[in-house]
Amino acid sequence: MAKKILIVEDERNIVDILAFNLAREGYSTLEALDGALGLQLAMEKDPDLILLDLMLPKMDGFEVCRRLREAGKATPIIMLTAREEETDKVLGLELGADDYITKPFSMRELLARVKSNIRRTEMTAQPAANPNQMEIGRLRIDLDAMMVYKDGAPVDLTQREYELVRLLASRPGQVFSRELLMEKVWNYEGYVGDVRAVDVAIRRLREKLEDDPAAPEFVLTRRGLGYAFRQPG
C-alpha cells in the first residue's frame, strides 16, 4: 500500500507541485490549504508523514504541530518555511517537528527528506528479533519494547529520543559527532549541513532523562566534537 503524505500548505501552486512529484515517487497525498483542516486530516486520516507549512490561515504550523504532539500523534512532521530566522526553526523542533526545510527548496532534497523520515519510522516500528536489554547504571533500555527505564520507572521519550539514547548508550564513552548522529538517527546518509536539530533533540532528551539537565549525568557534551554517553563506574 502506498505511503500517505499530508500536505498542509496554503499556496495552491506549491501543493500541486508537491502532490505531482510525490505521486511520481509512489506516494498518495492528502491536501489542506489551512491549518485547521490540516489538523483535522492529520487526526482522522493518520498519514505516514506531514509536510507542514508554518504560515497558514486559521491556524499556523506551530499550533498544528503542538496540538498533534499533545494528542500523542507521533507522525513524522517536516516543516516548510520561507523564514530564515533561527528562532522559528528551533521553535518548530521544540514543539516536536522532526525536520524542517527552507523555501525555496529543491524537490530532490525534499523527496530525500520524506524518504528518510518514513524509513526511520519503519525501522523503529520493527520489533527486535529477540528480547534484549541494556543496563547502564541507573538506566535500563528494553530493546524489545523500545522503552527506557530510569531507577525502574519508565521515561516518556519520543521515537527519536529513544533512538538517541539507544545509539549513545550502545557505546559508552564514544563521542558521536552531530553529523554522525544525523546519519545514524535521522538516516541522512553522508549528511553535510545544518545540525541544529541534533542540539535541540539532545536538550529535550536531557529534560526528560537527567536529574539536572544543566549538569547531565548520562548524555555528555564534548565541546567542539559532539555527544557521548557517560561510561558507568
Protein backbone atom coordinates (compact mmCIF):
# COMPACT_ATOMS: atom_id res chain seq x y z
CA MET A 1 0.00 0.00 0.00
CA ALA A 2 1.30 3.45 -0.91
CA LYS A 3 2.55 5.63 1.92
CA LYS A 4 0.24 8.57 2.58
CA ILE A 5 1.62 12.12 2.78
CA LEU A 6 -0.44 15.00 4.15
CA ILE A 7 0.46 18.35 2.55
CA VAL A 8 -0.60 21.36 4.64
CA GLU A 9 0.26 24.42 2.56
CA ASP A 10 -1.81 27.48 1.62
CA GLU A 11 -0.21 28.14 -1.78
CA ARG A 12 -2.11 26.05 -4.31
CA ASN A 13 0.73 26.01 -6.84
CA ILE A 14 3.14 24.57 -4.26
CA VAL A 15 0.58 21.95 -3.24
CA ASP A 16 0.14 20.90 -6.87
CA ILE A 17 3.90 20.64 -7.45
CA LEU A 18 4.41 18.63 -4.26
CA ALA A 19 1.48 16.32 -4.98
CA PHE A 20 2.67 15.68 -8.53
CA ASN A 21 6.24 14.84 -7.52
CA LEU A 22 5.19 12.72 -4.55
CA ALA A 23 2.80 10.76 -6.77
CA ARG A 24 5.66 10.11 -9.21
CA GLU A 25 7.59 8.55 -6.31
CA GLY A 26 4.67 6.27 -5.48
CA TYR A 27 3.13 8.18 -2.58
CA SER A 28 -0.53 9.04 -2.16
CA THR A 29 -1.38 12.52 -0.90
CA LEU A 30 -3.90 14.39 1.19
CA GLU A 31 -4.10 18.16 0.89
CA ALA A 32 -5.15 21.02 3.17
CA LEU A 33 -4.92 24.72 2.40
CA ASP A 34 -5.26 25.89 6.00
CA GLY A 35 -4.06 24.76 9.41
CA ALA A 36 -7.44 23.84 10.85
CA LEU A 37 -8.21 21.39 8.04
CA GLY A 38 -4.64 20.12 8.18
CA LEU A 39 -5.03 19.29 11.87
CA GLN A 40 -8.35 17.58 11.23
CA LEU A 41 -6.94 15.41 8.43
CA ALA A 42 -3.85 14.56 10.48
CA MET A 43 -6.03 13.38 13.36
CA GLU A 44 -8.58 11.48 11.27
CA LYS A 45 -6.62 10.05 8.34
CA ASP A 46 -3.41 9.02 10.15
CA PRO A 47 -0.92 9.90 7.36
CA ASP A 48 2.56 8.39 7.27
CA LEU A 49 4.18 11.85 7.12
CA ILE A 50 3.11 15.51 7.21
CA LEU A 51 4.59 18.35 5.17
CA LEU A 52 3.56 21.36 7.24
CA ASP A 53 3.92 25.00 6.23
CA LEU A 54 4.44 27.48 9.08
CA MET A 55 2.45 30.45 7.76
CA LEU A 56 -1.12 29.19 7.36
CA PRO A 57 -4.60 30.72 7.61
CA LYS A 58 -6.89 29.76 10.53
CA MET A 59 -4.10 28.02 12.47
CA ASP A 60 -0.35 28.33 11.97
CA GLY A 61 2.01 25.39 11.61
CA PHE A 62 3.42 25.78 15.11
CA GLU A 63 -0.04 25.33 16.64
CA VAL A 64 -0.85 22.37 14.38
CA CYS A 65 2.38 20.66 15.44
CA ARG A 66 1.81 21.40 19.12
CA ARG A 67 -1.72 20.01 19.11
CA LEU A 68 -0.70 16.84 17.28
CA ARG A 69 2.06 16.09 19.75
CA GLU A 70 -0.18 16.87 22.72
CA ALA A 71 -2.70 14.39 21.28
CA GLY A 72 0.01 11.72 21.25
CA LYS A 73 0.44 11.63 17.47
CA ALA A 74 3.99 10.57 16.55
CA THR A 75 3.58 11.11 12.79
CA PRO A 76 6.82 12.48 11.30
CA ILE A 77 6.47 16.21 10.57
CA ILE A 78 8.66 18.14 8.14
CA MET A 79 8.09 21.88 8.47
CA LEU A 80 8.17 24.03 5.35
CA THR A 81 9.14 27.63 5.92
CA ALA A 82 10.17 30.66 3.93
CA ARG A 83 11.67 32.15 7.05
CA GLU A 84 15.37 32.10 7.79
CA GLU A 85 15.21 33.07 11.46
CA GLU A 86 16.88 30.53 13.74
CA THR A 87 14.20 31.00 16.40
CA ASP A 88 11.47 29.74 14.07
CA LYS A 89 13.37 26.59 13.23
CA VAL A 90 14.25 25.88 16.84
CA LEU A 91 10.67 26.52 18.00
CA GLY A 92 9.35 24.07 15.43
CA LEU A 93 11.78 21.41 16.64
CA GLU A 94 10.97 22.16 20.27
CA LEU A 95 7.27 21.66 19.54
CA GLY A 96 8.00 18.22 18.13
CA ALA A 97 8.70 18.65 14.41
CA ASP A 98 11.11 16.03 13.11
CA ASP A 99 12.75 18.15 10.43
CA TYR A 100 12.47 21.40 8.50
CA ILE A 101 13.29 22.59 5.04
CA THR A 102 13.51 26.23 3.96
CA LYS A 103 11.83 27.58 0.83
CA PRO A 104 12.82 27.68 -1.91
CA PHE A 105 13.89 24.04 -1.72
CA SER A 106 14.91 21.56 -4.37
CA MET A 107 12.39 18.79 -4.99
CA ARG A 108 15.22 16.27 -4.86
CA GLU A 109 16.15 17.34 -1.34
CA LEU A 110 12.55 17.34 -0.14
CA LEU A 111 11.90 13.86 -1.52
CA ALA A 112 15.08 12.62 0.14
CA ARG A 113 13.90 14.03 3.48
CA VAL A 114 10.48 12.41 3.05
CA LYS A 115 12.00 9.04 2.24
CA SER A 116 14.45 9.25 5.13
CA ASN A 117 11.83 10.10 7.75
CA ILE A 118 9.46 7.37 6.58
CA ARG A 119 12.28 4.82 6.50
CA ARG A 120 13.32 5.76 10.03
CA THR A 121 9.77 5.26 11.27
CA GLU A 122 9.54 1.86 9.60
CA MET A 123 12.86 0.72 11.04
CA THR A 124 11.91 1.71 14.57
CA ALA A 125 8.48 0.11 14.28
CA GLN A 126 10.02 -3.30 13.61
CA PRO A 127 10.20 -5.39 16.79
CA ALA A 128 13.53 -6.84 17.84
CA ALA A 129 14.08 -10.44 16.81
CA ASN A 130 14.84 -11.47 20.40
CA PRO A 131 14.24 -9.84 23.77
CA ASN A 132 17.25 -7.75 24.60
CA GLN A 133 18.12 -5.24 27.27
CA MET A 134 20.95 -2.87 28.08
CA GLU A 135 21.63 -1.89 31.67
CA ILE A 136 23.90 1.09 32.26
CA GLY A 137 23.99 2.43 35.79
CA ARG A 138 20.54 3.76 36.68
CA LEU A 139 19.20 3.20 33.19
CA ARG A 140 17.71 0.11 31.59
CA ILE A 141 16.95 0.07 27.86
CA ASP A 142 14.48 -2.56 26.73
CA LEU A 143 15.32 -3.04 23.06
CA ASP A 144 12.37 -5.36 22.51
CA ALA A 145 9.75 -2.94 23.87
CA MET A 146 11.75 0.14 22.79
CA MET A 147 11.46 1.61 26.28
CA VAL A 148 13.90 3.35 28.61
CA TYR A 149 13.66 2.99 32.38
CA LYS A 150 15.37 5.17 34.96
CA ASP A 151 15.57 3.81 38.51
CA GLY A 152 12.94 1.28 37.43
CA ALA A 153 10.42 3.88 36.22
CA PRO A 154 9.61 4.30 32.50
CA VAL A 155 10.80 7.51 30.83
CA ASP A 156 8.34 9.00 28.33
CA LEU A 157 10.52 9.50 25.25
CA THR A 158 9.65 10.22 21.65
CA GLN A 159 10.79 7.79 18.99
CA ARG A 160 13.81 9.91 18.08
CA GLU A 161 14.79 10.49 21.72
CA TYR A 162 14.72 6.75 22.27
CA GLU A 163 16.89 6.20 19.21
CA LEU A 164 19.42 8.75 20.50
CA VAL A 165 19.64 7.01 23.88
CA ARG A 166 19.93 3.59 22.31
CA LEU A 167 22.74 4.66 19.97
CA LEU A 168 24.75 6.66 22.51
CA ALA A 169 24.35 4.04 25.25
CA SER A 170 25.42 1.25 22.91
CA ARG A 171 28.98 2.63 23.06
CA PRO A 172 29.55 4.43 26.37
CA GLY A 173 32.43 6.88 26.20
CA GLN A 174 32.46 7.08 22.39
CA VAL A 175 31.98 10.57 21.01
CA PHE A 176 29.36 10.85 18.26
CA SER A 177 29.65 13.94 16.09
CA ARG A 178 26.47 15.79 15.21
CA GLU A 179 26.92 14.80 11.58
CA LEU A 180 27.20 11.12 12.54
CA LEU A 181 24.07 11.37 14.68
CA MET A 182 22.24 12.89 11.72
CA GLU A 183 23.29 9.88 9.67
CA LYS A 184 22.52 7.22 12.28
CA VAL A 185 19.38 8.62 13.91
CA TRP A 186 17.91 10.88 11.23
CA ASN A 187 19.04 8.47 8.46
CA TYR A 188 20.64 11.21 6.36
CA GLU A 189 23.47 9.41 4.63
CA GLY A 190 26.60 11.50 4.15
CA TYR A 191 24.88 14.45 5.82
CA VAL A 192 26.51 17.84 5.41
CA GLY A 193 24.57 20.88 6.53
CA ASP A 194 22.67 22.38 9.44
CA VAL A 195 22.92 20.11 12.51
CA ARG A 196 20.88 22.32 14.86
CA ALA A 197 18.21 19.61 15.08
CA VAL A 198 20.65 17.42 16.99
CA ASP A 199 21.25 20.02 19.70
CA VAL A 200 17.52 20.59 20.14
CA ALA A 201 16.82 16.85 20.36
CA ILE A 202 19.61 16.38 22.92
CA ARG A 203 18.27 19.26 25.01
CA ARG A 204 14.77 17.78 25.02
CA LEU A 205 16.17 14.37 25.88
CA ARG A 206 18.10 15.73 28.85
CA GLU A 207 14.99 17.45 30.20
CA LYS A 208 13.35 14.04 30.47
CA LEU A 209 16.32 11.85 31.35
CA GLU A 210 18.56 13.86 33.65
CA ASP A 211 18.01 14.81 37.31
CA ASP A 212 19.54 18.19 36.43
CA PRO A 213 19.65 18.91 32.68
CA ALA A 214 22.22 21.65 33.30
CA ALA A 215 24.58 19.11 34.87
CA PRO A 216 23.90 15.95 32.86
CA GLU A 217 24.77 12.57 34.31
CA PHE A 218 24.13 10.46 31.23
CA VAL A 219 24.43 12.41 27.95
CA LEU A 220 27.60 14.48 27.96
CA THR A 221 28.73 17.25 25.64
CA ARG A 222 32.24 17.02 24.21
CA ARG A 223 32.74 20.62 23.22
CA GLY A 224 33.60 21.01 19.56
CA LEU A 225 33.25 17.26 18.99
CA GLY A 226 29.74 16.06 19.73
CA TYR A 227 28.00 13.97 22.37
CA ALA A 228 28.85 10.87 24.38
CA PHE A 229 27.15 8.63 26.92
CA ARG A 230 28.96 8.56 30.26
CA GLN A 231 30.80 5.35 31.00
CA PRO A 232 29.46 3.65 34.12
CA GLY A 233 31.60 3.36 37.22
